[in-house]
């Protein structure tokens, strides 16, 4: 029954996540907001909503902080693995070419806040029940979002012929978001039950089962973005989602009633944070190394490095869980 509930909830999350992405694109046309901005902010927020809700559920419904942290870092790892999947599928498209400066900045800040979030395991300074690291991560997130917005380039993509009104888009987005809230909570409950019944532990289940499912909306959104020729929106979505996902940790710390959340989470997540940071730096290097990118069987060499890193990460999480 737990597996059926998990799969049904996952199906709802994926479907609603894809719809949110479509409505995000529609919102860009209705309001005139650039697609680069949509990719980094709104689309990233929408496709990160499953991670947020499932993390809240992991803390409030089943009291499993390891499941929550595994979901955050695992989702970020899978987001970067998505770049390999896109690179392998769209072989005629250079997914690392023509990436805007705002997307690169977002990726860099995502790497910074990811590695900084691991300091919460070492710095035992609190303001009430809240870790000072949590507050700094939140401030870094807000600052990085502002800086990325300031350097966003003018959107020059063609219209997709959206006929919806602004109120129509907002209404549909609200319905999809509500569906994700309910399904995300059920995902957390069923994932915790699977972790207990299989003996795999919250870290492993959160890093893989829950992380992969909650990251599928990003995969679908990026696939659709590249199909319409918007590599920038796709990469902005992935980098922006990684940034938003780390911002979930301050939310988790704020709502966890037992005390500072870092005191209740396995220290194995420190290494997971390092893996997630390195995973972001690899595509940044690929974007910058324009004259040194090589393809093997149509796939960029840097993408293979991402796969290798993900495999090592998987083995590590399995061994420590």
C-alpha atoms as a PDB file:
ATOM      1  CA  UNK A   1       0.000   0.000   0.000  1.00  0.00           C
ATOM      2  CA  UNK A   2       2.845   2.399   0.810  1.00  0.00           C
ATOM      3  CA  UNK A   3       4.387   1.824  -2.615  1.00  0.00           C
ATOM      4  CA  UNK A   4       1.044   2.425  -4.351  1.00  0.00           C
ATOM      5  CA  UNK A   5       0.520   5.657  -2.398  1.00  0.00           C
ATOM      6  CA  UNK A   6       4.081   6.720  -3.252  1.00  0.00           C
ATOM      7  CA  UNK A   7       3.579   6.074  -6.982  1.00  0.00           C
ATOM      8  CA  UNK A   8       0.175   7.768  -7.118  1.00  0.00           C
ATOM      9  CA  UNK A   9       1.480  10.802  -5.248  1.00  0.00           C
ATOM     10  CA  UNK A  10       4.507  10.884  -7.547  1.00  0.00           C
ATOM     11  CA  UNK A  11       2.257  10.861 -10.618  1.00  0.00           C
ATOM     12  CA  UNK A  12       0.289  13.834  -9.275  1.00  0.00           C
ATOM     13  CA  UNK A  13       3.492  15.740  -8.438  1.00  0.00           C
ATOM     14  CA  UNK A  14       4.942  15.150 -11.911  1.00  0.00           C
ATOM     15  CA  UNK A  15       1.738  16.085 -13.744  1.00  0.00           C
ATOM     16  CA  UNK A  16       1.110  19.185 -11.630  1.00  0.00           C
ATOM     17  CA  UNK A  17       4.783  20.171 -11.821  1.00  0.00           C
ATOM     18  CA  UNK A  18       4.743  20.026 -15.613  1.00  0.00           C
ATOM     19  CA  UNK A  19       1.570  22.103 -15.696  1.00  0.00           C
ATOM     20  CA  UNK A  20       3.140  24.686 -13.388  1.00  0.00           C
ATOM     21  CA  UNK A  21       6.041  24.946 -15.817  1.00  0.00           C
ATOM     22  CA  UNK A  22       3.666  25.483 -18.725  1.00  0.00           C
ATOM     23  CA  UNK A  23       1.782  28.152 -16.822  1.00  0.00           C
ATOM     24  CA  UNK A  24       5.069  29.788 -15.860  1.00  0.00           C
ATOM     25  CA  UNK A  25       5.884  30.143 -19.538  1.00  0.00           C
ATOM     26  CA  UNK A  26       2.389  31.511 -20.161  1.00  0.00           C
ATOM     27  CA  UNK A  27       2.888  34.009 -17.356  1.00  0.00           C
ATOM     28  CA  UNK A  28       6.055  35.238 -19.063  1.00  0.00           C
ATOM     29  CA  UNK A  29       4.071  36.075 -22.177  1.00  0.00           C
ATOM     30  CA  UNK A  30       1.017  37.519 -20.450  1.00  0.00           C
ATOM     31  CA  UNK A  31       3.048  39.835 -18.204  1.00  0.00           C
ATOM     32  CA  UNK A  32       5.996  40.487 -20.519  1.00  0.00           C
ATOM     33  CA  UNK A  33       8.468  39.126 -17.949  1.00  0.00           C
ATOM     34  CA  UNK A  34      11.558  37.659 -19.635  1.00  0.00           C
ATOM     35  CA  UNK A  35      11.943  33.891 -19.853  1.00  0.00           C
ATOM     36  CA  UNK A  36      15.407  34.036 -18.315  1.00  0.00           C
ATOM     37  CA  UNK A  37      13.866  35.619 -15.242  1.00  0.00           C
ATOM     38  CA  UNK A  38      11.051  33.056 -15.266  1.00  0.00           C
ATOM     39  CA  UNK A  39      13.548  30.208 -15.495  1.00  0.00           C
ATOM     40  CA  UNK A  40      15.716  31.422 -12.609  1.00  0.00           C
ATOM     41  CA  UNK A  41      12.914  32.499 -10.287  1.00  0.00           C
ATOM     42  CA  UNK A  42       9.304  31.509 -10.887  1.00  0.00           C
ATOM     43  CA  UNK A  43       9.889  28.296 -12.853  1.00  0.00           C
ATOM     44  CA  UNK A  44      12.582  27.238 -10.392  1.00  0.00           C
ATOM     45  CA  UNK A  45      10.255  28.015  -7.489  1.00  0.00           C
ATOM     46  CA  UNK A  46       7.343  26.139  -9.026  1.00  0.00           C
ATOM     47  CA  UNK A  47       9.347  23.023  -9.877  1.00  0.00           C
ATOM     48  CA  UNK A  48      10.953  23.137  -6.405  1.00  0.00           C
ATOM     49  CA  UNK A  49       7.551  23.189  -4.726  1.00  0.00           C
ATOM     50  CA  UNK A  50       7.438  19.350  -4.465  1.00  0.00           C
ATOM     51  CA  UNK A  51      10.763  19.400  -2.579  1.00  0.00           C
ATOM     52  CA  UNK A  52       9.480  22.099  -0.234  1.00  0.00           C
ATOM     53  CA  UNK A  53       6.198  20.387   0.553  1.00  0.00           C
ATOM     54  CA  UNK A  54       7.684  16.901   0.905  1.00  0.00           C
ATOM     55  CA  UNK A  55      10.383  18.311   3.206  1.00  0.00           C
ATOM     56  CA  UNK A  56       7.765  20.006   5.380  1.00  0.00           C
ATOM     57  CA  UNK A  57       5.858  16.726   5.453  1.00  0.00           C
ATOM     58  CA  UNK A  58       8.992  14.811   6.424  1.00  0.00           C
ATOM     59  CA  UNK A  59       9.328  17.060   9.481  1.00  0.00           C
ATOM     60  CA  UNK A  60       5.718  17.563  10.520  1.00  0.00           C
ATOM     61  CA  UNK A  61       4.043  14.282   9.568  1.00  0.00           C
ATOM     62  CA  UNK A  62       6.742  11.684  10.185  1.00  0.00           C
ATOM     63  CA  UNK A  63       9.444  13.578  12.151  1.00  0.00           C
ATOM     64  CA  UNK A  64      12.309  12.439   9.903  1.00  0.00           C
ATOM     65  CA  UNK A  65      14.919  15.217   9.420  1.00  0.00           C
ATOM     66  CA  UNK A  66      17.241  12.844   7.541  1.00  0.00           C
ATOM     67  CA  UNK A  67      14.501  12.317   4.963  1.00  0.00           C
ATOM     68  CA  UNK A  68      14.207  16.100   4.590  1.00  0.00           C
ATOM     69  CA  UNK A  69      17.936  16.767   4.159  1.00  0.00           C
ATOM     70  CA  UNK A  70      18.352  13.766   1.878  1.00  0.00           C
ATOM     71  CA  UNK A  71      15.579  15.164  -0.293  1.00  0.00           C
ATOM     72  CA  UNK A  72      17.254  18.584  -0.567  1.00  0.00           C
ATOM     73  CA  UNK A  73      20.793  17.451  -1.400  1.00  0.00           C
ATOM     74  CA  UNK A  74      19.587  14.459  -3.424  1.00  0.00           C
ATOM     75  CA  UNK A  75      17.328  16.664  -5.537  1.00  0.00           C
ATOM     76  CA  UNK A  76      20.218  19.022  -6.251  1.00  0.00           C
ATOM     77  CA  UNK A  77      22.364  16.091  -7.365  1.00  0.00           C
ATOM     78  CA  UNK A  78      19.610  14.795  -9.633  1.00  0.00           C
ATOM     79  CA  UNK A  79      19.063  18.277 -11.077  1.00  0.00           C
ATOM     80  CA  UNK A  80      22.666  18.307 -12.244  1.00  0.00           C
ATOM     81  CA  UNK A  81      22.323  14.758 -13.570  1.00  0.00           C
ATOM     82  CA  UNK A  82      19.450  16.157 -15.642  1.00  0.00           C
ATOM     83  CA  UNK A  83      22.035  18.146 -17.611  1.00  0.00           C
ATOM     84  CA  UNK A  84      23.590  14.860 -18.739  1.00  0.00           C
ATOM     85  CA  UNK A  85      20.160  13.502 -19.682  1.00  0.00           C
ATOM     86  CA  UNK A  86      19.427  16.620 -21.747  1.00  0.00           C
ATOM     87  CA  UNK A  87      22.881  16.557 -23.315  1.00  0.00           C
ATOM     88  CA  UNK A  88      22.474  12.887 -24.270  1.00  0.00           C
ATOM     89  CA  UNK A  89      18.992  13.389 -25.724  1.00  0.00           C
ATOM     90  CA  UNK A  90      19.517  16.689 -27.554  1.00  0.00           C
ATOM     91  CA  UNK A  91      22.858  15.728 -29.088  1.00  0.00           C
ATOM     92  CA  UNK A  92      22.628  18.337 -31.826  1.00  0.00           C
ATOM     93  CA  UNK A  93      22.202  21.058 -29.211  1.00  0.00           C
ATOM     94  CA  UNK A  94      25.103  22.341 -27.130  1.00  0.00           C
ATOM     95  CA  UNK A  95      23.425  22.661 -23.743  1.00  0.00           C
ATOM     96  CA  UNK A  96      26.431  24.559 -22.386  1.00  0.00           C
ATOM     97  CA  UNK A  97      26.519  27.186 -25.128  1.00  0.00           C
ATOM     98  CA  UNK A  98      25.088  30.696 -24.932  1.00  0.00           C
ATOM     99  CA  UNK A  99      24.224  30.521 -21.243  1.00  0.00           C
ATOM    100  CA  UNK A 100      23.486  33.978 -19.842  1.00  0.00           C
ATOM    101  CA  UNK A 101      25.591  35.641 -17.173  1.00  0.00           C
ATOM    102  CA  UNK A 102      22.599  35.669 -14.828  1.00  0.00           C
ATOM    103  CA  UNK A 103      22.342  31.875 -15.030  1.00  0.00           C
ATOM    104  CA  UNK A 104      26.065  31.472 -14.342  1.00  0.00           C
ATOM    105  CA  UNK A 105      25.806  33.786 -11.334  1.00  0.00           C
ATOM    106  CA  UNK A 106      22.831  31.827 -10.047  1.00  0.00           C
ATOM    107  CA  UNK A 107      24.837  28.605 -10.335  1.00  0.00           C
ATOM    108  CA  UNK A 108      27.783  30.115  -8.472  1.00  0.00           C
ATOM    109  CA  UNK A 109      25.584  31.366  -5.649  1.00  0.00           C
ATOM    110  CA  UNK A 110      23.855  27.980  -5.511  1.00  0.00           C
ATOM    111  CA  UNK A 111      27.273  26.390  -4.985  1.00  0.00           C
ATOM    112  CA  UNK A 112      28.143  28.921  -2.277  1.00  0.00           C
ATOM    113  CA  UNK A 113      24.939  28.480  -0.267  1.00  0.00           C
ATOM    114  CA  UNK A 114      25.132  24.688  -0.648  1.00  0.00           C
ATOM    115  CA  UNK A 115      28.594  24.377   0.878  1.00  0.00           C
ATOM    116  CA  UNK A 116      27.757  27.036   3.471  1.00  0.00           C
ATOM    117  CA  UNK A 117      24.694  25.074   4.574  1.00  0.00           C
ATOM    118  CA  UNK A 118      27.036  22.267   5.705  1.00  0.00           C
ATOM    119  CA  UNK A 119      28.578  24.643   8.259  1.00  0.00           C
ATOM    120  CA  UNK A 120      25.428  24.233  10.316  1.00  0.00           C
ATOM    121  CA  UNK A 121      26.852  20.904  11.481  1.00  0.00           C
ATOM    122  CA  UNK A 122      29.955  22.649  12.865  1.00  0.00           C
ATOM    123  CA  UNK A 123      28.892  26.134  13.992  1.00  0.00           C
ATOM    124  CA  UNK A 124      26.841  25.800  17.167  1.00  0.00           C
ATOM    125  CA  UNK A 125      25.665  29.390  17.453  1.00  0.00           C
ATOM    126  CA  UNK A 126      21.928  29.939  17.785  1.00  0.00           C
ATOM    127  CA  UNK A 127      19.466  32.788  17.988  1.00  0.00           C
ATOM    128  CA  UNK A 128      16.779  31.151  20.066  1.00  0.00           C
ATOM    129  CA  UNK A 129      16.219  27.721  18.513  1.00  0.00           C
ATOM    130  CA  UNK A 130      17.446  28.853  15.078  1.00  0.00           C
ATOM    131  CA  UNK A 131      20.998  28.256  13.849  1.00  0.00           C
ATOM    132  CA  UNK A 132      22.863  31.389  12.776  1.00  0.00           C
ATOM    133  CA  UNK A 133      23.941  29.411   9.692  1.00  0.00           C
ATOM    134  CA  UNK A 134      20.277  29.081   8.760  1.00  0.00           C
ATOM    135  CA  UNK A 135      19.840  32.857   8.880  1.00  0.00           C
ATOM    136  CA  UNK A 136      22.989  33.478   6.815  1.00  0.00           C
ATOM    137  CA  UNK A 137      21.888  30.924   4.198  1.00  0.00           C
ATOM    138  CA  UNK A 138      18.543  32.714   3.968  1.00  0.00           C
ATOM    139  CA  UNK A 139      20.230  36.114   3.544  1.00  0.00           C
ATOM    140  CA  UNK A 140      22.604  34.712   0.909  1.00  0.00           C
ATOM    141  CA  UNK A 141      19.640  33.278  -0.957  1.00  0.00           C
ATOM    142  CA  UNK A 142      17.809  36.626  -0.980  1.00  0.00           C
ATOM    143  CA  UNK A 143      20.948  38.520  -2.005  1.00  0.00           C
ATOM    144  CA  UNK A 144      21.851  36.081  -4.779  1.00  0.00           C
ATOM    145  CA  UNK A 145      18.310  36.210  -6.171  1.00  0.00           C
ATOM    146  CA  UNK A 146      18.527  40.012  -6.280  1.00  0.00           C
ATOM    147  CA  UNK A 147      21.938  40.006  -7.990  1.00  0.00           C
ATOM    148  CA  UNK A 148      20.827  37.451 -10.585  1.00  0.00           C
ATOM    149  CA  UNK A 149      17.755  39.572 -11.319  1.00  0.00           C
ATOM    150  CA  UNK A 150      19.873  42.702 -11.804  1.00  0.00           C
ATOM    151  CA  UNK A 151      22.001  41.119 -14.537  1.00  0.00           C
ATOM    152  CA  UNK A 152      19.232  39.313 -16.423  1.00  0.00           C
ATOM    153  CA  UNK A 153      19.420  40.122 -20.101  1.00  0.00           C
ATOM    154  CA  UNK A 154      16.503  41.201 -22.203  1.00  0.00           C
ATOM    155  CA  UNK A 155      14.362  38.297 -23.374  1.00  0.00           C
ATOM    156  CA  UNK A 156      14.354  38.002 -27.146  1.00  0.00           C
ATOM    157  CA  UNK A 157      12.481  34.728 -27.581  1.00  0.00           C
ATOM    158  CA  UNK A 158       9.445  34.598 -29.796  1.00  0.00           C
ATOM    159  CA  UNK A 159       5.907  34.375 -28.521  1.00  0.00           C
ATOM    160  CA  UNK A 160       4.340  30.939 -28.213  1.00  0.00           C
ATOM    161  CA  UNK A 161       0.855  32.275 -28.911  1.00  0.00           C
ATOM    162  CA  UNK A 162      -0.548  32.061 -25.389  1.00  0.00           C
ATOM    163  CA  UNK A 163      -4.271  32.921 -25.320  1.00  0.00           C
ATOM    164  CA  UNK A 164      -4.859  32.753 -21.556  1.00  0.00           C
ATOM    165  CA  UNK A 165      -5.580  35.868 -19.521  1.00  0.00           C
ATOM    166  CA  UNK A 166      -3.547  36.802 -16.451  1.00  0.00           C
ATOM    167  CA  UNK A 167      -6.355  35.709 -14.119  1.00  0.00           C
ATOM    168  CA  UNK A 168      -6.664  32.441 -16.027  1.00  0.00           C
ATOM    169  CA  UNK A 169      -2.962  31.702 -15.659  1.00  0.00           C
ATOM    170  CA  UNK A 170      -2.967  32.563 -11.942  1.00  0.00           C
ATOM    171  CA  UNK A 171      -6.033  30.373 -11.312  1.00  0.00           C
ATOM    172  CA  UNK A 172      -4.495  27.372 -13.066  1.00  0.00           C
ATOM    173  CA  UNK A 173      -1.195  27.871 -11.270  1.00  0.00           C
ATOM    174  CA  UNK A 174      -3.009  27.945  -7.936  1.00  0.00           C
ATOM    175  CA  UNK A 175      -4.829  24.687  -8.693  1.00  0.00           C
ATOM    176  CA  UNK A 176      -1.599  22.940  -9.728  1.00  0.00           C
ATOM    177  CA  UNK A 177       0.207  24.230  -6.642  1.00  0.00           C
ATOM    178  CA  UNK A 178      -2.600  22.962  -4.377  1.00  0.00           C
ATOM    179  CA  UNK A 179      -2.354  19.513  -5.965  1.00  0.00           C
ATOM    180  CA  UNK A 180       1.397  19.475  -5.323  1.00  0.00           C
ATOM    181  CA  UNK A 181       0.879  20.445  -1.680  1.00  0.00           C
ATOM    182  CA  UNK A 182      -1.420  17.478  -1.038  1.00  0.00           C
ATOM    183  CA  UNK A 183       0.614  14.999  -3.089  1.00  0.00           C
ATOM    184  CA  UNK A 184       3.907  16.221  -1.587  1.00  0.00           C
ATOM    185  CA  UNK A 185       2.668  15.521   1.931  1.00  0.00           C
ATOM    186  CA  UNK A 186       1.588  12.019   0.917  1.00  0.00           C
ATOM    187  CA  UNK A 187       4.995  11.467  -0.687  1.00  0.00           C
ATOM    188  CA  UNK A 188       6.719  12.215   2.609  1.00  0.00           C
ATOM    189  CA  UNK A 189       4.462   9.890   4.566  1.00  0.00           C
ATOM    190  CA  UNK A 190       4.825   6.989   2.125  1.00  0.00           C
ATOM    191  CA  UNK A 191       8.586   7.539   1.712  1.00  0.00           C
ATOM    192  CA  UNK A 192       9.075   7.345   5.473  1.00  0.00           C
ATOM    193  CA  UNK A 193       7.074   4.097   5.580  1.00  0.00           C
ATOM    194  CA  UNK A 194       9.235   2.675   2.773  1.00  0.00           C
ATOM    195  CA  UNK A 195      12.400   3.696   4.626  1.00  0.00           C
ATOM    196  CA  UNK A 196      11.207   1.853   7.735  1.00  0.00           C
ATOM    197  CA  UNK A 197       9.929  -1.288   5.951  1.00  0.00           C
ATOM    198  CA  UNK A 198      13.038  -1.702   3.774  1.00  0.00           C
ATOM    199  CA  UNK A 199      15.558  -0.699   6.433  1.00  0.00           C
ATOM    200  CA  UNK A 200      17.286   1.615   3.950  1.00  0.00           C
ATOM    201  CA  UNK A 201      17.002   4.649   6.217  1.00  0.00           C
ATOM    202  CA  UNK A 202      15.688   8.176   5.730  1.00  0.00           C
ATOM    203  CA  UNK A 203      18.920   9.509   4.206  1.00  0.00           C
ATOM    204  CA  UNK A 204      18.954   6.954   1.389  1.00  0.00           C
ATOM    205  CA  UNK A 205      15.218   7.065   0.652  1.00  0.00           C
ATOM    206  CA  UNK A 206      15.238  10.869   0.782  1.00  0.00           C
ATOM    207  CA  UNK A 207      18.333  11.097  -1.437  1.00  0.00           C
ATOM    208  CA  UNK A 208      16.949   8.806  -4.119  1.00  0.00           C
ATOM    209  CA  UNK A 209      13.281   7.793  -4.116  1.00  0.00           C
ATOM    210  CA  UNK A 210      11.950  11.103  -2.851  1.00  0.00           C
ATOM    211  CA  UNK A 211      14.618  13.281  -4.496  1.00  0.00           C
ATOM    212  CA  UNK A 212      14.213  11.736  -7.942  1.00  0.00           C
ATOM    213  CA  UNK A 213      10.419  11.956  -7.915  1.00  0.00           C
ATOM    214  CA  UNK A 214      10.315  15.563  -6.684  1.00  0.00           C
ATOM    215  CA  UNK A 215      12.922  16.496  -9.323  1.00  0.00           C
ATOM    216  CA  UNK A 216      10.976  15.063 -12.270  1.00  0.00           C
ATOM    217  CA  UNK A 217       9.064  18.336 -12.834  1.00  0.00           C
ATOM    218  CA  UNK A 218      12.456  19.988 -13.482  1.00  0.00           C
ATOM    219  CA  UNK A 219      13.273  17.296 -16.045  1.00  0.00           C
ATOM    220  CA  UNK A 220       9.965  17.778 -17.829  1.00  0.00           C
ATOM    221  CA  UNK A 221      10.227  21.575 -17.727  1.00  0.00           C
ATOM    222  CA  UNK A 222      13.791  21.561 -19.094  1.00  0.00           C
ATOM    223  CA  UNK A 223      12.886  19.109 -21.837  1.00  0.00           C
ATOM    224  CA  UNK A 224      10.057  21.386 -22.931  1.00  0.00           C
ATOM    225  CA  UNK A 225      12.255  24.487 -22.745  1.00  0.00           C
ATOM    226  CA  UNK A 226      14.972  23.028 -24.981  1.00  0.00           C
ATOM    227  CA  UNK A 227      12.373  21.753 -27.434  1.00  0.00           C
ATOM    228  CA  UNK A 228      11.251  25.351 -28.005  1.00  0.00           C
ATOM    229  CA  UNK A 229      14.891  26.447 -28.280  1.00  0.00           C
ATOM    230  CA  UNK A 230      15.312  27.990 -24.828  1.00  0.00           C
ATOM    231  CA  UNK A 231      18.462  26.426 -23.374  1.00  0.00           C
ATOM    232  CA  UNK A 232      18.768  29.452 -21.111  1.00  0.00           C
ATOM    233  CA  UNK A 233      15.389  28.788 -19.506  1.00  0.00           C
ATOM    234  CA  UNK A 234      16.295  25.127 -19.011  1.00  0.00           C
ATOM    235  CA  UNK A 235      19.654  25.820 -17.364  1.00  0.00           C
ATOM    236  CA  UNK A 236      18.190  28.715 -15.386  1.00  0.00           C
ATOM    237  CA  UNK A 237      15.515  26.371 -14.079  1.00  0.00           C
ATOM    238  CA  UNK A 238      18.074  23.800 -12.911  1.00  0.00           C
ATOM    239  CA  UNK A 239      20.461  26.292 -11.299  1.00  0.00           C
ATOM    240  CA  UNK A 240      17.591  28.279  -9.811  1.00  0.00           C
ATOM    241  CA  UNK A 241      15.999  25.108  -8.437  1.00  0.00           C
ATOM    242  CA  UNK A 242      19.247  24.176  -6.705  1.00  0.00           C
ATOM    243  CA  UNK A 243      19.328  27.608  -5.118  1.00  0.00           C
ATOM    244  CA  UNK A 244      15.689  27.380  -4.011  1.00  0.00           C
ATOM    245  CA  UNK A 245      16.203  23.861  -2.662  1.00  0.00           C
ATOM    246  CA  UNK A 246      18.943  25.002  -0.280  1.00  0.00           C
ATOM    247  CA  UNK A 247      16.609  27.765   0.891  1.00  0.00           C
ATOM    248  CA  UNK A 248      14.347  24.925   2.095  1.00  0.00           C
ATOM    249  CA  UNK A 249      16.874  24.210   4.890  1.00  0.00           C
ATOM    250  CA  UNK A 250      16.136  27.515   6.699  1.00  0.00           C
ATOM    251  CA  UNK A 251      12.427  26.722   6.356  1.00  0.00           C
ATOM    252  CA  UNK A 252      13.057  23.288   7.872  1.00  0.00           C
ATOM    253  CA  UNK A 253      15.003  24.821  10.759  1.00  0.00           C
ATOM    254  CA  UNK A 254      12.236  27.325  11.423  1.00  0.00           C
ATOM    255  CA  UNK A 255       9.415  24.797  11.565  1.00  0.00           C
ATOM    256  CA  UNK A 256      11.194  21.935  13.348  1.00  0.00           C
ATOM    257  CA  UNK A 257       9.797  22.010  16.860  1.00  0.00           C
ATOM    258  CA  UNK A 258      12.341  19.810  18.658  1.00  0.00           C
ATOM    259  CA  UNK A 259      15.141  22.368  18.339  1.00  0.00           C
ATOM    260  CA  UNK A 260      17.965  23.327  15.938  1.00  0.00           C
ATOM    261  CA  UNK A 261      17.525  20.856  13.097  1.00  0.00           C
ATOM    262  CA  UNK A 262      21.272  20.315  12.522  1.00  0.00           C
ATOM    263  CA  UNK A 263      21.412  18.566  15.912  1.00  0.00           C
ATOM    264  CA  UNK A 264      18.954  15.916  14.692  1.00  0.00           C
ATOM    265  CA  UNK A 265      20.402  15.185  11.244  1.00  0.00           C
ATOM    266  CA  UNK A 266      23.050  12.615  10.337  1.00  0.00           C
ATOM    267  CA  UNK A 267      26.491  14.100   9.720  1.00  0.00           C
ATOM    268  CA  UNK A 268      26.671  12.028   6.550  1.00  0.00           C
ATOM    269  CA  UNK A 269      24.833  14.919   4.912  1.00  0.00           C
ATOM    270  CA  UNK A 270      27.993  17.024   5.191  1.00  0.00           C
ATOM    271  CA  UNK A 271      29.595  14.917   2.483  1.00  0.00           C
ATOM    272  CA  UNK A 272      26.334  15.009   0.528  1.00  0.00           C
ATOM    273  CA  UNK A 273      26.522  18.821   0.589  1.00  0.00           C
ATOM    274  CA  UNK A 274      30.092  18.658  -0.762  1.00  0.00           C
ATOM    275  CA  UNK A 275      28.976  16.340  -3.569  1.00  0.00           C
ATOM    276  CA  UNK A 276      26.104  18.692  -4.425  1.00  0.00           C
ATOM    277  CA  UNK A 277      28.476  21.678  -4.505  1.00  0.00           C
ATOM    278  CA  UNK A 278      30.962  19.979  -6.837  1.00  0.00           C
ATOM    279  CA  UNK A 279      28.088  18.858  -9.076  1.00  0.00           C
ATOM    280  CA  UNK A 280      27.111  22.510  -9.650  1.00  0.00           C
ATOM    281  CA  UNK A 281      30.686  23.569 -10.379  1.00  0.00           C
ATOM    282  CA  UNK A 282      31.103  21.028 -13.211  1.00  0.00           C
ATOM    283  CA  UNK A 283      28.558  22.603 -15.606  1.00  0.00           C
ATOM    284  CA  UNK A 284      29.894  26.060 -14.690  1.00  0.00           C
ATOM    285  CA  UNK A 285      33.319  24.890 -15.843  1.00  0.00           C
ATOM    286  CA  UNK A 286      31.798  23.468 -19.029  1.00  0.00           C
ATOM    287  CA  UNK A 287      30.063  26.774 -19.779  1.00  0.00           C
ATOM    288  CA  UNK A 288      33.277  28.743 -19.259  1.00  0.00           C
ATOM    289  CA  UNK A 289      35.533  26.346 -21.169  1.00  0.00           C
ATOM    290  CA  UNK A 290      34.055  27.193 -24.555  1.00  0.00           C
ATOM    291  CA  UNK A 291      37.190  26.313 -26.526  1.00  0.00           C
ATOM    292  CA  UNK A 292      37.941  23.112 -24.622  1.00  0.00           C
ATOM    293  CA  UNK A 293      34.594  21.314 -24.692  1.00  0.00           C
ATOM    294  CA  UNK A 294      34.810  17.938 -26.393  1.00  0.00           C
ATOM    295  CA  UNK A 295      32.062  15.445 -27.193  1.00  0.00           C
ATOM    296  CA  UNK A 296      32.232  11.679 -26.901  1.00  0.00           C
ATOM    297  CA  UNK A 297      29.468   9.856 -28.765  1.00  0.00           C
ATOM    298  CA  UNK A 298      27.683  13.183 -29.050  1.00  0.00           C
ATOM    299  CA  UNK A 299      27.751  13.929 -25.314  1.00  0.00           C
ATOM    300  CA  UNK A 300      29.984  16.577 -23.735  1.00  0.00           C
ATOM    301  CA  UNK A 301      32.862  15.230 -21.620  1.00  0.00           C
ATOM    302  CA  UNK A 302      31.760  17.348 -18.636  1.00  0.00           C
ATOM    303  CA  UNK A 303      28.385  15.591 -18.675  1.00  0.00           C
ATOM    304  CA  UNK A 304      30.115  12.241 -18.225  1.00  0.00           C
ATOM    305  CA  UNK A 305      31.904  13.660 -15.184  1.00  0.00           C
ATOM    306  CA  UNK A 306      28.511  14.575 -13.701  1.00  0.00           C
ATOM    307  CA  UNK A 307      27.327  10.969 -14.172  1.00  0.00           C
ATOM    308  CA  UNK A 308      30.486   9.597 -12.569  1.00  0.00           C
ATOM    309  CA  UNK A 309      30.083  11.947  -9.604  1.00  0.00           C
ATOM    310  CA  UNK A 310      26.444  10.911  -9.201  1.00  0.00           C
ATOM    311  CA  UNK A 311      27.419   7.235  -9.174  1.00  0.00           C
ATOM    312  CA  UNK A 312      30.061   7.809  -6.468  1.00  0.00           C
ATOM    313  CA  UNK A 313      27.527   9.845  -4.491  1.00  0.00           C
ATOM    314  CA  UNK A 314      24.989   7.032  -4.762  1.00  0.00           C
ATOM    315  CA  UNK A 315      27.432   4.452  -3.442  1.00  0.00           C
ATOM    316  CA  UNK A 316      28.434   6.741  -0.578  1.00  0.00           C
ATOM    317  CA  UNK A 317      24.841   7.418   0.523  1.00  0.00           C
ATOM    318  CA  UNK A 318      24.016   3.711   0.381  1.00  0.00           C
ATOM    319  CA  UNK A 319      27.061   2.829   2.514  1.00  0.00           C
ATOM    320  CA  UNK A 320      26.383   5.424   5.221  1.00  0.00           C
ATOM    321  CA  UNK A 321      22.612   4.878   5.404  1.00  0.00           C
END
